[in-house]
Amino acid sequence: DYNYIVDKTKAKVKKLEYEEISIDNDYENEKAVEERIIKPFLHNDLGYNVNDYVQQLNVPIGNHNNTLIPDFVLLPRTYGGKHIAYAVVEAKKSIKKEKELAEALKQVSSYASLLSAEYAAVASQEGIWITSDKSHFTDVIAEYKWSELNSDNDKMYEVKKLIGKK
């Protein structure tokens, strides 16, 4: 109600932020999304096995006092001490607002850039968003709800073509 009044009056005050709770909110945290959505998707749909990706890869940056830790690094390799990857997937419990998606995309793009990845993806209980190095990871090139993806449709084919095991 408060946000509605702020919108109607065009007042220059901060709106309230809240998370909508729905009946289908089955995932209690980010780890549950990783275990119950992302890992089965990587294995069953995209053709990866446990040796094809690293979870929580520590990537040293700067003076080695800081590290970046992407959730999933697909087809990681190390050349001369530099980590590189085919793609990076960042897990989030839920993404319901554009602002949340923008923040997650910014986070995963920094991982992907550092790892010289071709693709970066954000995955939450709602779906998956994929970006490419061709746009410096700024443009979403594929965006699907999980319910839209099944093994014999064009949408799954597109996702497999982009981030499936090569």
N, C-alpha and C. Protein backbone atom coordinates (compact mmCIF):
# COMPACT_ATOMS: atom_id res chain seq x y z
N ASP A 1 0.82 -1.20 0.00
CA ASP A 1 0.00 0.00 0.00
C ASP A 1 0.86 1.26 0.00
N TYR A 2 1.90 1.23 0.83
CA TYR A 2 2.80 2.37 0.92
C TYR A 2 3.44 2.67 -0.45
N ASN A 3 3.98 1.64 -1.10
CA ASN A 3 4.60 1.84 -2.41
C ASN A 3 3.60 2.34 -3.44
N TYR A 4 2.37 1.90 -3.37
CA TYR A 4 1.32 2.36 -4.28
C TYR A 4 1.09 3.86 -4.09
N ILE A 5 1.02 4.30 -2.85
CA ILE A 5 0.81 5.72 -2.55
C ILE A 5 2.01 6.55 -3.03
N VAL A 6 3.22 6.03 -2.82
CA VAL A 6 4.42 6.72 -3.29
C VAL A 6 4.37 6.88 -4.81
N ASP A 7 3.97 5.82 -5.51
CA ASP A 7 3.86 5.88 -6.97
C ASP A 7 2.82 6.91 -7.40
N LYS A 8 1.66 6.88 -6.79
CA LYS A 8 0.57 7.78 -7.17
C LYS A 8 0.89 9.24 -6.91
N THR A 9 1.56 9.51 -5.79
CA THR A 9 1.87 10.89 -5.43
C THR A 9 3.18 11.37 -6.04
N LYS A 10 3.93 10.44 -6.62
CA LYS A 10 5.24 10.76 -7.21
C LYS A 10 6.18 11.41 -6.20
N ALA A 11 6.01 11.00 -4.95
CA ALA A 11 6.86 11.52 -3.88
C ALA A 11 8.29 11.02 -4.07
N LYS A 12 9.23 11.85 -3.69
CA LYS A 12 10.63 11.49 -3.84
C LYS A 12 11.14 10.91 -2.52
N VAL A 13 10.57 9.78 -2.18
CA VAL A 13 10.98 9.05 -0.98
C VAL A 13 11.29 7.62 -1.39
N LYS A 14 12.05 6.96 -0.53
CA LYS A 14 12.44 5.58 -0.83
C LYS A 14 11.26 4.64 -0.65
N LYS A 15 11.10 3.74 -1.62
CA LYS A 15 10.04 2.72 -1.52
C LYS A 15 10.50 1.59 -0.61
N LEU A 16 9.55 0.86 -0.10
CA LEU A 16 9.85 -0.32 0.70
C LEU A 16 10.22 -1.47 -0.23
N GLU A 17 11.22 -2.23 0.17
CA GLU A 17 11.57 -3.43 -0.57
C GLU A 17 11.09 -4.63 0.22
N TYR A 18 10.58 -5.61 -0.50
CA TYR A 18 10.08 -6.81 0.15
C TYR A 18 10.21 -7.99 -0.79
N GLU A 19 10.23 -9.16 -0.23
CA GLU A 19 10.28 -10.36 -1.05
C GLU A 19 8.91 -11.01 -1.01
N GLU A 20 8.36 -11.21 -2.20
CA GLU A 20 7.08 -11.88 -2.27
C GLU A 20 7.27 -13.35 -1.96
N ILE A 21 6.43 -13.87 -1.12
CA ILE A 21 6.52 -15.28 -0.77
C ILE A 21 5.40 -16.00 -1.49
N SER A 22 5.79 -16.98 -2.27
CA SER A 22 4.79 -17.72 -3.02
C SER A 22 4.81 -19.18 -2.59
N ILE A 23 3.77 -19.88 -2.95
CA ILE A 23 3.64 -21.28 -2.58
C ILE A 23 4.74 -22.12 -3.22
N ASP A 24 5.19 -21.71 -4.43
CA ASP A 24 6.19 -22.50 -5.14
C ASP A 24 7.62 -22.15 -4.75
N ASN A 25 7.80 -21.43 -3.67
CA ASN A 25 9.13 -21.05 -3.19
C ASN A 25 9.69 -22.22 -2.37
N ASP A 26 10.12 -23.29 -3.08
CA ASP A 26 10.54 -24.53 -2.44
C ASP A 26 11.99 -24.55 -2.00
N TYR A 27 12.75 -23.57 -2.38
CA TYR A 27 14.19 -23.59 -2.14
C TYR A 27 14.53 -22.65 -1.01
N GLU A 28 15.05 -23.23 0.06
CA GLU A 28 15.28 -22.45 1.27
C GLU A 28 16.50 -21.54 1.19
N ASN A 29 17.46 -21.87 0.31
CA ASN A 29 18.65 -21.03 0.19
C ASN A 29 19.35 -21.30 -1.14
N GLU A 30 20.44 -20.58 -1.37
CA GLU A 30 21.19 -20.71 -2.62
C GLU A 30 21.76 -22.11 -2.80
N LYS A 31 22.21 -22.70 -1.72
CA LYS A 31 22.78 -24.06 -1.77
C LYS A 31 21.74 -25.06 -2.28
N ALA A 32 20.49 -24.91 -1.87
CA ALA A 32 19.43 -25.80 -2.35
C ALA A 32 19.22 -25.64 -3.85
N VAL A 33 19.31 -24.42 -4.35
CA VAL A 33 19.19 -24.17 -5.79
C VAL A 33 20.35 -24.85 -6.52
N GLU A 34 21.56 -24.75 -5.97
CA GLU A 34 22.72 -25.40 -6.57
C GLU A 34 22.53 -26.91 -6.64
N GLU A 35 22.12 -27.51 -5.53
CA GLU A 35 22.01 -28.97 -5.44
C GLU A 35 20.81 -29.54 -6.18
N ARG A 36 19.68 -28.86 -6.12
CA ARG A 36 18.44 -29.43 -6.65
C ARG A 36 18.06 -28.95 -8.05
N ILE A 37 18.68 -27.86 -8.50
CA ILE A 37 18.37 -27.37 -9.85
C ILE A 37 19.61 -27.38 -10.74
N ILE A 38 20.65 -26.66 -10.33
CA ILE A 38 21.79 -26.44 -11.22
C ILE A 38 22.58 -27.72 -11.49
N LYS A 39 22.95 -28.45 -10.45
CA LYS A 39 23.72 -29.68 -10.68
C LYS A 39 22.97 -30.68 -11.55
N PRO A 40 21.70 -30.98 -11.26
CA PRO A 40 20.98 -31.90 -12.16
C PRO A 40 20.90 -31.36 -13.59
N PHE A 41 20.75 -30.06 -13.75
CA PHE A 41 20.69 -29.45 -15.07
C PHE A 41 22.02 -29.63 -15.81
N LEU A 42 23.13 -29.38 -15.11
CA LEU A 42 24.45 -29.57 -15.72
C LEU A 42 24.65 -31.02 -16.14
N HIS A 43 24.29 -31.96 -15.27
CA HIS A 43 24.53 -33.38 -15.53
C HIS A 43 23.54 -33.95 -16.54
N ASN A 44 22.27 -33.80 -16.27
CA ASN A 44 21.24 -34.48 -17.06
C ASN A 44 20.92 -33.80 -18.38
N ASP A 45 21.01 -32.48 -18.41
CA ASP A 45 20.60 -31.75 -19.62
C ASP A 45 21.76 -31.23 -20.46
N LEU A 46 22.84 -30.80 -19.81
CA LEU A 46 23.94 -30.18 -20.55
C LEU A 46 25.12 -31.11 -20.78
N GLY A 47 25.10 -32.32 -20.22
CA GLY A 47 26.11 -33.31 -20.50
C GLY A 47 27.41 -33.22 -19.71
N TYR A 48 27.44 -32.46 -18.64
CA TYR A 48 28.64 -32.36 -17.82
C TYR A 48 28.66 -33.48 -16.78
N ASN A 49 29.87 -33.90 -16.40
CA ASN A 49 30.00 -34.77 -15.24
C ASN A 49 30.79 -34.02 -14.19
N VAL A 50 30.95 -34.60 -13.03
CA VAL A 50 31.58 -33.88 -11.91
C VAL A 50 33.01 -33.44 -12.20
N ASN A 51 33.67 -34.10 -13.15
CA ASN A 51 35.05 -33.71 -13.49
C ASN A 51 35.11 -32.57 -14.49
N ASP A 52 33.97 -32.15 -15.01
CA ASP A 52 33.92 -31.11 -16.04
C ASP A 52 33.71 -29.70 -15.47
N TYR A 53 33.50 -29.60 -14.18
CA TYR A 53 33.31 -28.28 -13.58
C TYR A 53 33.86 -28.26 -12.16
N VAL A 54 34.07 -27.07 -11.68
CA VAL A 54 34.53 -26.88 -10.30
C VAL A 54 33.53 -25.95 -9.62
N GLN A 55 33.13 -26.36 -8.44
CA GLN A 55 32.28 -25.49 -7.62
C GLN A 55 33.16 -24.70 -6.68
N GLN A 56 32.82 -23.44 -6.51
CA GLN A 56 33.52 -22.58 -5.56
C GLN A 56 35.03 -22.50 -5.84
N LEU A 57 35.39 -22.25 -7.09
CA LEU A 57 36.79 -22.12 -7.47
C LEU A 57 37.35 -20.82 -6.90
N ASN A 58 38.45 -20.93 -6.15
CA ASN A 58 39.13 -19.75 -5.64
C ASN A 58 40.05 -19.21 -6.72
N VAL A 59 39.78 -18.00 -7.18
CA VAL A 59 40.57 -17.37 -8.22
C VAL A 59 41.28 -16.17 -7.61
N PRO A 60 42.61 -16.25 -7.46
CA PRO A 60 43.34 -15.12 -6.87
C PRO A 60 43.28 -13.89 -7.78
N ILE A 61 43.13 -12.73 -7.16
CA ILE A 61 43.16 -11.48 -7.92
C ILE A 61 44.11 -10.51 -7.23
N GLY A 62 44.59 -9.57 -7.99
CA GLY A 62 45.44 -8.52 -7.42
C GLY A 62 46.68 -9.08 -6.75
N ASN A 63 46.88 -8.68 -5.51
CA ASN A 63 48.07 -9.08 -4.77
C ASN A 63 47.89 -10.41 -4.05
N HIS A 64 46.94 -11.20 -4.50
CA HIS A 64 46.64 -12.54 -3.97
C HIS A 64 46.06 -12.50 -2.55
N ASN A 65 45.72 -11.32 -2.07
CA ASN A 65 45.05 -11.24 -0.78
C ASN A 65 43.55 -11.45 -0.94
N ASN A 66 43.05 -11.21 -2.14
CA ASN A 66 41.62 -11.36 -2.39
C ASN A 66 41.40 -12.46 -3.41
N THR A 67 40.24 -13.12 -3.31
CA THR A 67 39.90 -14.12 -4.30
C THR A 67 38.45 -13.95 -4.71
N LEU A 68 38.17 -14.32 -5.95
CA LEU A 68 36.80 -14.39 -6.43
C LEU A 68 36.40 -15.86 -6.36
N ILE A 69 35.16 -16.11 -6.03
CA ILE A 69 34.71 -17.49 -5.90
C ILE A 69 33.42 -17.69 -6.66
N PRO A 70 33.51 -18.02 -7.96
CA PRO A 70 32.30 -18.30 -8.73
C PRO A 70 31.68 -19.62 -8.28
N ASP A 71 30.35 -19.73 -8.37
CA ASP A 71 29.66 -20.93 -7.92
C ASP A 71 29.99 -22.15 -8.77
N PHE A 72 29.95 -22.01 -10.10
CA PHE A 72 30.27 -23.12 -11.01
C PHE A 72 31.16 -22.60 -12.13
N VAL A 73 32.29 -23.24 -12.33
CA VAL A 73 33.19 -22.92 -13.42
C VAL A 73 33.21 -24.14 -14.34
N LEU A 74 32.70 -23.96 -15.56
CA LEU A 74 32.57 -25.07 -16.50
C LEU A 74 33.82 -25.20 -17.37
N LEU A 75 34.32 -26.43 -17.46
CA LEU A 75 35.51 -26.77 -18.23
C LEU A 75 36.69 -25.86 -17.87
N PRO A 76 37.06 -25.84 -16.58
CA PRO A 76 38.18 -24.99 -16.16
C PRO A 76 39.52 -25.57 -16.62
N ARG A 77 40.45 -24.67 -16.92
CA ARG A 77 41.80 -25.06 -17.28
C ARG A 77 42.75 -24.04 -16.65
N THR A 78 43.98 -24.44 -16.49
CA THR A 78 45.01 -23.54 -15.97
C THR A 78 46.19 -23.55 -16.92
N TYR A 79 46.56 -22.39 -17.38
CA TYR A 79 47.73 -22.23 -18.24
C TYR A 79 48.67 -21.22 -17.61
N GLY A 80 49.87 -21.66 -17.30
CA GLY A 80 50.86 -20.75 -16.72
C GLY A 80 50.37 -20.05 -15.46
N GLY A 81 49.61 -20.75 -14.66
CA GLY A 81 49.10 -20.18 -13.42
C GLY A 81 47.84 -19.35 -13.58
N LYS A 82 47.37 -19.15 -14.82
CA LYS A 82 46.14 -18.37 -15.05
C LYS A 82 44.97 -19.32 -15.27
N HIS A 83 43.91 -19.08 -14.53
CA HIS A 83 42.69 -19.88 -14.66
C HIS A 83 41.86 -19.36 -15.84
N ILE A 84 41.37 -20.28 -16.66
CA ILE A 84 40.43 -19.93 -17.72
C ILE A 84 39.29 -20.94 -17.70
N ALA A 85 38.17 -20.59 -18.32
CA ALA A 85 37.00 -21.46 -18.30
C ALA A 85 36.18 -21.27 -19.57
N TYR A 86 35.36 -22.24 -19.85
CA TYR A 86 34.43 -22.12 -20.97
C TYR A 86 33.26 -21.22 -20.59
N ALA A 87 32.71 -21.47 -19.39
CA ALA A 87 31.57 -20.68 -18.91
C ALA A 87 31.57 -20.65 -17.39
N VAL A 88 30.84 -19.68 -16.86
CA VAL A 88 30.68 -19.53 -15.42
C VAL A 88 29.19 -19.43 -15.12
N VAL A 89 28.75 -20.13 -14.07
CA VAL A 89 27.35 -20.07 -13.66
C VAL A 89 27.30 -19.59 -12.21
N GLU A 90 26.57 -18.53 -11.99
CA GLU A 90 26.38 -17.98 -10.64
C GLU A 90 24.99 -18.35 -10.16
N ALA A 91 24.91 -18.95 -8.99
CA ALA A 91 23.64 -19.37 -8.40
C ALA A 91 23.09 -18.28 -7.49
N LYS A 92 21.79 -18.11 -7.55
CA LYS A 92 21.07 -17.21 -6.64
C LYS A 92 19.82 -17.94 -6.17
N LYS A 93 19.41 -17.71 -4.95
CA LYS A 93 18.20 -18.36 -4.46
C LYS A 93 17.00 -17.93 -5.30
N SER A 94 16.86 -16.64 -5.48
CA SER A 94 15.70 -16.12 -6.18
C SER A 94 16.04 -14.80 -6.86
N ILE A 95 15.50 -14.60 -8.04
CA ILE A 95 15.63 -13.32 -8.74
C ILE A 95 14.25 -12.95 -9.23
N LYS A 96 13.69 -11.93 -8.60
CA LYS A 96 12.33 -11.52 -8.95
C LYS A 96 12.27 -10.08 -9.46
N LYS A 97 13.36 -9.35 -9.29
CA LYS A 97 13.38 -7.94 -9.70
C LYS A 97 14.52 -7.69 -10.66
N GLU A 98 14.34 -6.73 -11.53
CA GLU A 98 15.38 -6.36 -12.49
C GLU A 98 16.67 -5.95 -11.78
N LYS A 99 16.54 -5.28 -10.66
CA LYS A 99 17.71 -4.83 -9.90
C LYS A 99 18.52 -6.04 -9.41
N GLU A 100 17.83 -7.07 -8.93
CA GLU A 100 18.52 -8.28 -8.48
C GLU A 100 19.24 -8.96 -9.64
N LEU A 101 18.59 -9.02 -10.78
CA LEU A 101 19.21 -9.62 -11.96
C LEU A 101 20.42 -8.80 -12.40
N ALA A 102 20.30 -7.49 -12.41
CA ALA A 102 21.42 -6.63 -12.81
C ALA A 102 22.63 -6.84 -11.90
N GLU A 103 22.39 -6.94 -10.60
CA GLU A 103 23.48 -7.16 -9.65
C GLU A 103 24.13 -8.53 -9.87
N ALA A 104 23.31 -9.54 -10.09
CA ALA A 104 23.83 -10.90 -10.32
C ALA A 104 24.62 -10.96 -11.62
N LEU A 105 24.13 -10.30 -12.66
CA LEU A 105 24.84 -10.27 -13.94
C LEU A 105 26.18 -9.54 -13.82
N LYS A 106 26.20 -8.48 -13.05
CA LYS A 106 27.45 -7.75 -12.83
C LYS A 106 28.47 -8.65 -12.11
N GLN A 107 27.99 -9.38 -11.13
CA GLN A 107 28.86 -10.29 -10.38
C GLN A 107 29.41 -11.39 -11.29
N VAL A 108 28.53 -12.07 -12.03
CA VAL A 108 28.99 -13.18 -12.87
C VAL A 108 29.85 -12.68 -14.03
N SER A 109 29.60 -11.48 -14.52
CA SER A 109 30.42 -10.96 -15.62
C SER A 109 31.85 -10.69 -15.16
N SER A 110 32.02 -10.29 -13.90
CA SER A 110 33.39 -10.07 -13.40
C SER A 110 34.13 -11.41 -13.31
N TYR A 111 33.44 -12.46 -12.88
CA TYR A 111 34.06 -13.78 -12.85
C TYR A 111 34.42 -14.24 -14.26
N ALA A 112 33.47 -14.12 -15.17
CA ALA A 112 33.67 -14.58 -16.54
C ALA A 112 34.81 -13.83 -17.23
N SER A 113 34.87 -12.53 -17.02
CA SER A 113 35.94 -11.73 -17.62
C SER A 113 37.30 -12.16 -17.10
N LEU A 114 37.40 -12.34 -15.80
CA LEU A 114 38.66 -12.74 -15.19
C LEU A 114 39.10 -14.12 -15.69
N LEU A 115 38.14 -14.99 -15.96
CA LEU A 115 38.45 -16.36 -16.40
C LEU A 115 38.47 -16.50 -17.93
N SER A 116 38.38 -15.38 -18.64
CA SER A 116 38.35 -15.39 -20.12
C SER A 116 37.31 -16.37 -20.65
N ALA A 117 36.15 -16.40 -20.02
CA ALA A 117 35.08 -17.31 -20.41
C ALA A 117 34.35 -16.78 -21.63
N GLU A 118 33.74 -17.70 -22.37
CA GLU A 118 32.91 -17.32 -23.50
C GLU A 118 31.50 -16.96 -23.07
N TYR A 119 31.03 -17.61 -22.02
CA TYR A 119 29.65 -17.41 -21.56
C TYR A 119 29.60 -17.28 -20.05
N ALA A 120 28.57 -16.58 -19.59
CA ALA A 120 28.28 -16.45 -18.17
C ALA A 120 26.79 -16.61 -18.00
N ALA A 121 26.38 -17.26 -16.92
CA ALA A 121 24.96 -17.47 -16.67
C ALA A 121 24.65 -17.23 -15.21
N VAL A 122 23.44 -16.74 -14.99
CA VAL A 122 22.88 -16.62 -13.65
C VAL A 122 21.71 -17.59 -13.59
N ALA A 123 21.67 -18.40 -12.54
CA ALA A 123 20.58 -19.36 -12.39
C ALA A 123 19.98 -19.22 -11.01
N SER A 124 18.65 -19.16 -10.96
CA SER A 124 17.93 -19.09 -9.70
C SER A 124 16.76 -20.06 -9.78
N GLN A 125 15.97 -20.10 -8.74
CA GLN A 125 14.82 -21.00 -8.77
C GLN A 125 13.81 -20.61 -9.85
N GLU A 126 13.85 -19.37 -10.32
CA GLU A 126 12.92 -18.93 -11.36
C GLU A 126 13.37 -19.33 -12.76
N GLY A 127 14.70 -19.35 -13.00
CA GLY A 127 15.16 -19.64 -14.34
C GLY A 127 16.63 -19.38 -14.54
N ILE A 128 17.02 -19.23 -15.81
CA ILE A 128 18.42 -19.03 -16.17
C ILE A 128 18.53 -17.88 -17.17
N TRP A 129 19.58 -17.06 -17.02
CA TRP A 129 19.88 -15.94 -17.90
C TRP A 129 21.32 -16.14 -18.38
N ILE A 130 21.54 -16.10 -19.68
CA ILE A 130 22.87 -16.36 -20.24
C ILE A 130 23.36 -15.12 -20.99
N THR A 131 24.63 -14.78 -20.78
CA THR A 131 25.28 -13.68 -21.48
C THR A 131 26.53 -14.21 -22.17
N SER A 132 27.12 -13.37 -23.03
CA SER A 132 28.26 -13.79 -23.84
C SER A 132 29.38 -12.76 -23.78
N ASP A 133 30.59 -13.24 -24.03
CA ASP A 133 31.73 -12.31 -24.07
C ASP A 133 31.64 -11.37 -25.27
N LYS A 134 30.83 -11.71 -26.27
CA LYS A 134 30.68 -10.86 -27.45
C LYS A 134 30.11 -9.49 -27.09
N SER A 135 29.30 -9.44 -26.03
CA SER A 135 28.74 -8.16 -25.58
C SER A 135 29.37 -7.74 -24.25
N HIS A 136 30.53 -8.32 -23.94
CA HIS A 136 31.21 -8.06 -22.66
C HIS A 136 30.29 -8.41 -21.49
N PHE A 137 29.46 -9.43 -21.69
CA PHE A 137 28.56 -9.96 -20.68
C PHE A 137 27.51 -8.95 -20.20
N THR A 138 27.14 -8.02 -21.08
CA THR A 138 26.14 -7.02 -20.69
C THR A 138 24.75 -7.34 -21.21
N ASP A 139 24.65 -8.04 -22.35
CA ASP A 139 23.34 -8.34 -22.94
C ASP A 139 22.95 -9.79 -22.66
N VAL A 140 21.74 -9.99 -22.19
CA VAL A 140 21.23 -11.34 -21.99
C VAL A 140 20.85 -11.89 -23.36
N ILE A 141 21.46 -13.02 -23.74
CA ILE A 141 21.20 -13.59 -25.06
C ILE A 141 20.21 -14.75 -25.01
N ALA A 142 19.97 -15.27 -23.81
CA ALA A 142 18.97 -16.32 -23.64
C ALA A 142 18.44 -16.23 -22.22
N GLU A 143 17.13 -16.33 -22.09
CA GLU A 143 16.49 -16.19 -20.77
C GLU A 143 15.28 -17.12 -20.73
N TYR A 144 15.32 -18.08 -19.82
CA TYR A 144 14.23 -19.06 -19.75
C TYR A 144 13.86 -19.42 -18.33
N LYS A 145 12.58 -19.66 -18.12
CA LYS A 145 12.12 -20.27 -16.89
C LYS A 145 12.41 -21.76 -17.00
N TRP A 146 12.62 -22.42 -15.88
CA TRP A 146 12.92 -23.85 -15.91
C TRP A 146 11.79 -24.64 -16.57
N SER A 147 10.57 -24.20 -16.37
CA SER A 147 9.42 -24.91 -16.94
C SER A 147 9.40 -24.86 -18.46
N GLU A 148 10.13 -23.91 -19.05
CA GLU A 148 10.18 -23.78 -20.51
C GLU A 148 11.20 -24.72 -21.15
N LEU A 149 12.07 -25.30 -20.33
CA LEU A 149 13.15 -26.12 -20.86
C LEU A 149 12.83 -27.61 -20.69
N ASN A 150 12.74 -28.31 -21.78
CA ASN A 150 12.69 -29.76 -21.71
C ASN A 150 13.53 -30.31 -22.83
N SER A 151 13.91 -31.56 -22.72
CA SER A 151 14.95 -32.13 -23.58
C SER A 151 14.67 -32.06 -25.08
N ASP A 152 13.42 -31.97 -25.48
CA ASP A 152 13.16 -31.99 -26.92
C ASP A 152 12.50 -30.72 -27.44
N ASN A 153 12.92 -29.57 -26.91
CA ASN A 153 12.40 -28.34 -27.50
C ASN A 153 13.54 -27.41 -27.95
N ASP A 154 13.20 -26.43 -28.75
CA ASP A 154 14.19 -25.52 -29.31
C ASP A 154 14.89 -24.69 -28.24
N LYS A 155 14.20 -24.39 -27.16
CA LYS A 155 14.80 -23.58 -26.10
C LYS A 155 15.94 -24.34 -25.43
N MET A 156 15.71 -25.62 -25.15
CA MET A 156 16.77 -26.43 -24.55
C MET A 156 17.92 -26.59 -25.54
N TYR A 157 17.61 -26.76 -26.81
CA TYR A 157 18.65 -26.86 -27.83
C TYR A 157 19.52 -25.60 -27.83
N GLU A 158 18.89 -24.44 -27.71
CA GLU A 158 19.65 -23.18 -27.69
C GLU A 158 20.57 -23.12 -26.48
N VAL A 159 20.06 -23.49 -25.30
CA VAL A 159 20.89 -23.48 -24.09
C VAL A 159 22.05 -24.46 -24.23
N LYS A 160 21.77 -25.65 -24.74
CA LYS A 160 22.84 -26.65 -24.95
C LYS A 160 23.89 -26.12 -25.92
N LYS A 161 23.44 -25.46 -26.97
CA LYS A 161 24.37 -24.90 -27.96
C LYS A 161 25.28 -23.85 -27.32
N LEU A 162 24.73 -23.07 -26.41
CA LEU A 162 25.48 -22.00 -25.78
C LEU A 162 26.42 -22.52 -24.68
N ILE A 163 25.87 -23.21 -23.69
CA ILE A 163 26.69 -23.57 -22.53
C ILE A 163 26.79 -25.07 -22.27
N GLY A 164 26.28 -25.87 -23.17
CA GLY A 164 26.39 -27.33 -23.03
C GLY A 164 27.83 -27.77 -23.20
N LYS A 165 28.12 -28.99 -22.74
CA LYS A 165 29.48 -29.53 -22.84
C LYS A 165 29.86 -29.68 -24.30
N LYS A 166 31.01 -29.17 -24.63
CA LYS A 166 31.52 -29.20 -26.02
C LYS A 166 32.32 -30.45 -26.25
